[in-house]
C-alpha atoms as a PDB file:
ATOM      1  CA  MET A   1     -42.866  45.733 -15.194  1.00  0.00           C
ATOM      2  CA  ASP A   2     -41.137  47.846 -12.562  1.00  0.00           C
ATOM      3  CA  ARG A   3     -38.439  49.943 -14.238  1.00  0.00           C
ATOM      4  CA  ASP A   4     -35.812  48.917 -11.645  1.00  0.00           C
ATOM      5  CA  ARG A   5     -36.551  45.254 -12.295  1.00  0.00           C
ATOM      6  CA  SER A   6     -36.342  45.449 -16.127  1.00  0.00           C
ATOM      7  CA  VAL A   7     -34.296  42.742 -17.764  1.00  0.00           C
ATOM      8  CA  GLU A   8     -32.050  45.100 -19.722  1.00  0.00           C
ATOM      9  CA  ARG A   9     -30.451  46.632 -16.672  1.00  0.00           C
ATOM     10  CA  PHE A  10     -28.689  43.247 -15.933  1.00  0.00           C
ATOM     11  CA  LEU A  11     -27.099  43.071 -19.426  1.00  0.00           C
ATOM     12  CA  PRO A  12     -24.439  42.281 -20.360  1.00  0.00           C
ATOM     13  CA  LEU A  13     -23.983  39.559 -17.790  1.00  0.00           C
ATOM     14  CA  ARG A  14     -20.557  38.601 -16.463  1.00  0.00           C
ATOM     15  CA  PRO A  15     -19.502  35.197 -17.855  1.00  0.00           C
ATOM     16  CA  VAL A  16     -19.787  33.576 -14.423  1.00  0.00           C
ATOM     17  CA  GLU A  17     -23.300  34.932 -13.987  1.00  0.00           C
ATOM     18  CA  PHE A  18     -24.463  33.608 -17.344  1.00  0.00           C
ATOM     19  CA  ASP A  19     -22.873  30.273 -16.570  1.00  0.00           C
ATOM     20  CA  VAL A  20     -24.683  30.051 -13.205  1.00  0.00           C
ATOM     21  CA  LEU A  21     -27.997  30.871 -14.889  1.00  0.00           C
ATOM     22  CA  LEU A  22     -27.380  28.231 -17.576  1.00  0.00           C
ATOM     23  CA  SER A  23     -26.663  25.661 -14.918  1.00  0.00           C
ATOM     24  CA  LEU A  24     -29.660  26.512 -12.744  1.00  0.00           C
ATOM     25  CA  ALA A  25     -31.983  26.640 -15.772  1.00  0.00           C
ATOM     26  CA  ALA A  26     -31.494  22.850 -15.899  1.00  0.00           C
ATOM     27  CA  GLY A  27     -32.391  22.401 -12.254  1.00  0.00           C
ATOM     28  CA  GLU A  28     -31.481  23.222  -8.635  1.00  0.00           C
ATOM     29  CA  ARG A  29     -27.842  22.757  -7.770  1.00  0.00           C
ATOM     30  CA  HIS A  30     -25.407  23.511  -4.935  1.00  0.00           C
ATOM     31  CA  GLY A  31     -22.240  25.530  -5.606  1.00  0.00           C
ATOM     32  CA  TYR A  32     -19.967  22.580  -6.290  1.00  0.00           C
ATOM     33  CA  GLY A  33     -22.682  21.114  -8.529  1.00  0.00           C
ATOM     34  CA  ILE A  34     -22.631  24.330 -10.573  1.00  0.00           C
ATOM     35  CA  ILE A  35     -18.863  23.971 -11.026  1.00  0.00           C
ATOM     36  CA  LEU A  36     -19.214  20.320 -12.084  1.00  0.00           C
ATOM     37  CA  ASP A  37     -22.034  21.220 -14.475  1.00  0.00           C
ATOM     38  CA  SER A  38     -19.882  24.024 -16.017  1.00  0.00           C
ATOM     39  CA  GLU A  39     -17.051  21.557 -16.565  1.00  0.00           C
ATOM     40  CA  ALA A  40     -19.415  19.000 -18.136  1.00  0.00           C
ATOM     41  CA  ARG A  41     -20.820  21.642 -20.490  1.00  0.00           C
ATOM     42  CA  GLY A  42     -17.315  22.593 -21.543  1.00  0.00           C
ATOM     43  CA  ALA A  43     -17.575  26.135 -20.233  1.00  0.00           C
ATOM     44  CA  THR A  44     -14.664  28.208 -21.337  1.00  0.00           C
ATOM     45  CA  ALA A  45     -14.102  29.752 -17.900  1.00  0.00           C
ATOM     46  CA  VAL A  46     -15.163  27.459 -15.068  1.00  0.00           C
ATOM     47  CA  PRO A  47     -15.366  29.680 -11.970  1.00  0.00           C
ATOM     48  CA  ASP A  48     -13.160  29.137  -8.988  1.00  0.00           C
ATOM     49  CA  VAL A  49     -14.925  28.689  -5.671  1.00  0.00           C
ATOM     50  CA  GLY A  50     -14.421  32.257  -4.420  1.00  0.00           C
ATOM     51  CA  THR A  51     -15.609  33.834  -7.683  1.00  0.00           C
ATOM     52  CA  LEU A  52     -18.607  31.511  -7.757  1.00  0.00           C
ATOM     53  CA  TYR A  53     -19.817  32.263  -4.230  1.00  0.00           C
ATOM     54  CA  ARG A  54     -19.364  36.040  -4.627  1.00  0.00           C
ATOM     55  CA  ALA A  55     -21.457  35.759  -7.805  1.00  0.00           C
ATOM     56  CA  LEU A  56     -24.109  33.634  -6.064  1.00  0.00           C
ATOM     57  CA  ARG A  57     -24.482  36.192  -3.237  1.00  0.00           C
ATOM     58  CA  ARG A  58     -24.693  39.084  -5.743  1.00  0.00           C
ATOM     59  CA  MET A  59     -27.231  37.223  -7.879  1.00  0.00           C
ATOM     60  CA  GLN A  60     -29.396  36.431  -4.874  1.00  0.00           C
ATOM     61  CA  ASP A  61     -29.387  40.066  -3.871  1.00  0.00           C
ATOM     62  CA  GLN A  62     -30.490  41.033  -7.428  1.00  0.00           C
ATOM     63  CA  GLY A  63     -33.286  38.428  -7.393  1.00  0.00           C
ATOM     64  CA  LEU A  64     -31.841  36.397 -10.276  1.00  0.00           C
ATOM     65  CA  ILE A  65     -31.537  33.240  -8.162  1.00  0.00           C
ATOM     66  CA  GLY A  66     -32.935  32.080  -4.852  1.00  0.00           C
ATOM     67  CA  ALA A  67     -32.204  29.637  -2.128  1.00  0.00           C
ATOM     68  CA  SER A  68     -33.864  26.270  -2.418  1.00  0.00           C
ATOM     69  CA  ALA A  69     -35.192  24.185   0.465  1.00  0.00           C
ATOM     70  CA  ARG A  70     -33.685  21.086  -1.174  1.00  0.00           C
ATOM     71  CA  ARG A  71     -31.287  19.027   0.972  1.00  0.00           C
ATOM     72  CA  ASP A  72     -29.273  15.909   0.235  1.00  0.00           C
ATOM     73  CA  VAL A  73     -30.400  12.560   1.694  1.00  0.00           C
ATOM     74  CA  PRO A  74     -29.766  12.653   5.471  1.00  0.00           C
ATOM     75  CA  GLU A  75     -26.880  10.108   5.648  1.00  0.00           C
ATOM     76  CA  SER A  76     -24.774  12.066   3.105  1.00  0.00           C
ATOM     77  CA  ALA A  77     -26.027  15.522   3.999  1.00  0.00           C
ATOM     78  CA  ASP A  78     -23.605  18.286   4.447  1.00  0.00           C
ATOM     79  CA  GLU A  79     -25.386  20.985   6.424  1.00  0.00           C
ATOM     80  CA  ARG A  80     -23.151  23.660   4.901  1.00  0.00           C
ATOM     81  CA  ARG A  81     -24.394  22.791   1.416  1.00  0.00           C
ATOM     82  CA  HIS A  82     -26.926  25.255   0.074  1.00  0.00           C
ATOM     83  CA  TYR A  83     -28.980  24.686  -3.067  1.00  0.00           C
ATOM     84  CA  TYR A  84     -29.915  27.453  -5.452  1.00  0.00           C
ATOM     85  CA  GLN A  85     -32.664  27.850  -8.039  1.00  0.00           C
ATOM     86  CA  ILE A  86     -33.281  30.234 -10.864  1.00  0.00           C
ATOM     87  CA  THR A  87     -36.085  32.750 -10.395  1.00  0.00           C
ATOM     88  CA  PRO A  88     -38.548  33.841 -13.120  1.00  0.00           C
ATOM     89  CA  LEU A  89     -36.510  37.091 -13.393  1.00  0.00           C
ATOM     90  CA  GLY A  90     -33.274  35.122 -13.694  1.00  0.00           C
ATOM     91  CA  LEU A  91     -34.820  33.020 -16.498  1.00  0.00           C
ATOM     92  CA  GLU A  92     -35.874  36.214 -18.365  1.00  0.00           C
ATOM     93  CA  VAL A  93     -32.399  37.668 -17.952  1.00  0.00           C
ATOM     94  CA  ALA A  94     -30.729  34.447 -19.194  1.00  0.00           C
ATOM     95  CA  ARG A  95     -32.966  34.407 -22.260  1.00  0.00           C
ATOM     96  CA  ALA A  96     -32.215  38.068 -23.009  1.00  0.00           C
ATOM     97  CA  GLU A  97     -28.480  37.455 -22.637  1.00  0.00           C
ATOM     98  CA  ALA A  98     -28.645  34.444 -24.939  1.00  0.00           C
ATOM     99  CA  ARG A  99     -30.491  36.569 -27.577  1.00  0.00           C
ATOM    100  CA  ARG A 100     -27.858  39.345 -27.186  1.00  0.00           C
ATOM    101  CA  LEU A 101     -24.970  36.910 -27.631  1.00  0.00           C
ATOM    102  CA  ALA A 102     -26.662  35.254 -30.637  1.00  0.00           C
ATOM    103  CA  ALA A 103     -26.985  38.710 -32.294  1.00  0.00           C
ATOM    104  CA  LEU A 104     -23.259  39.326 -31.667  1.00  0.00           C
ATOM    105  CA  MET A 105     -22.421  35.929 -33.214  1.00  0.00           C
ATOM    106  CA  ARG A 106     -24.507  36.758 -36.284  1.00  0.00           C
ATOM    107  CA  ALA A 107     -22.723  40.117 -36.622  1.00  0.00           C
ATOM    108  CA  ALA A 108     -19.310  38.442 -36.312  1.00  0.00           C
ATOM    109  CA  ALA A 109     -20.266  35.937 -38.976  1.00  0.00           C
ATOM    110  CA  ALA A 110     -21.533  38.706 -41.286  1.00  0.00           C
ATOM    111  CA  SER A 111     -18.203  40.483 -40.847  1.00  0.00           C
ATOM    112  CA  GLY A 112     -16.332  37.302 -41.783  1.00  0.00           C
ATOM    113  CA  LEU A 113     -14.671  36.979 -38.405  1.00  0.00           C
ATOM    114  CA  ILE A 114     -16.236  33.547 -37.766  1.00  0.00           C
ATOM    115  CA  GLU A 115     -18.166  31.010 -39.795  1.00  0.00           C
ATOM    116  CA  ALA A 116     -21.921  31.297 -39.653  1.00  0.00           C
ATOM    117  CA  VAL A 117     -23.393  29.543 -36.590  1.00  0.00           C
ATOM    118  CA  ALA A 118     -26.496  27.481 -37.025  1.00  0.00           C
ATOM    119  CA  THR A 119     -29.417  28.648 -34.841  1.00  0.00           C
END
């Protein structure tokens, strides 16, 4: 793998970036759909619109997500609405971040800070 494209250089992810990757791992979504998905999953910090779109631009530039050709049905289409999809690199980075966070949770449980979390 190209050294500049290695997964570790993206870690740790900002909470909004991990949340976007979690949402897009389940399927293509537009920005507002990502916010609704975050709320439905009970995300601790649902991003505001400005934060979300800055993150989406940054993540596209990094190759973690890409634009999708998907469009809504014509009669309800909003031409400003853009759909995003996770890239193979974005999926690798999301998995690596999940493993990193799980290791931190195990360490916190071993230190008695929290109860053990089932894996």
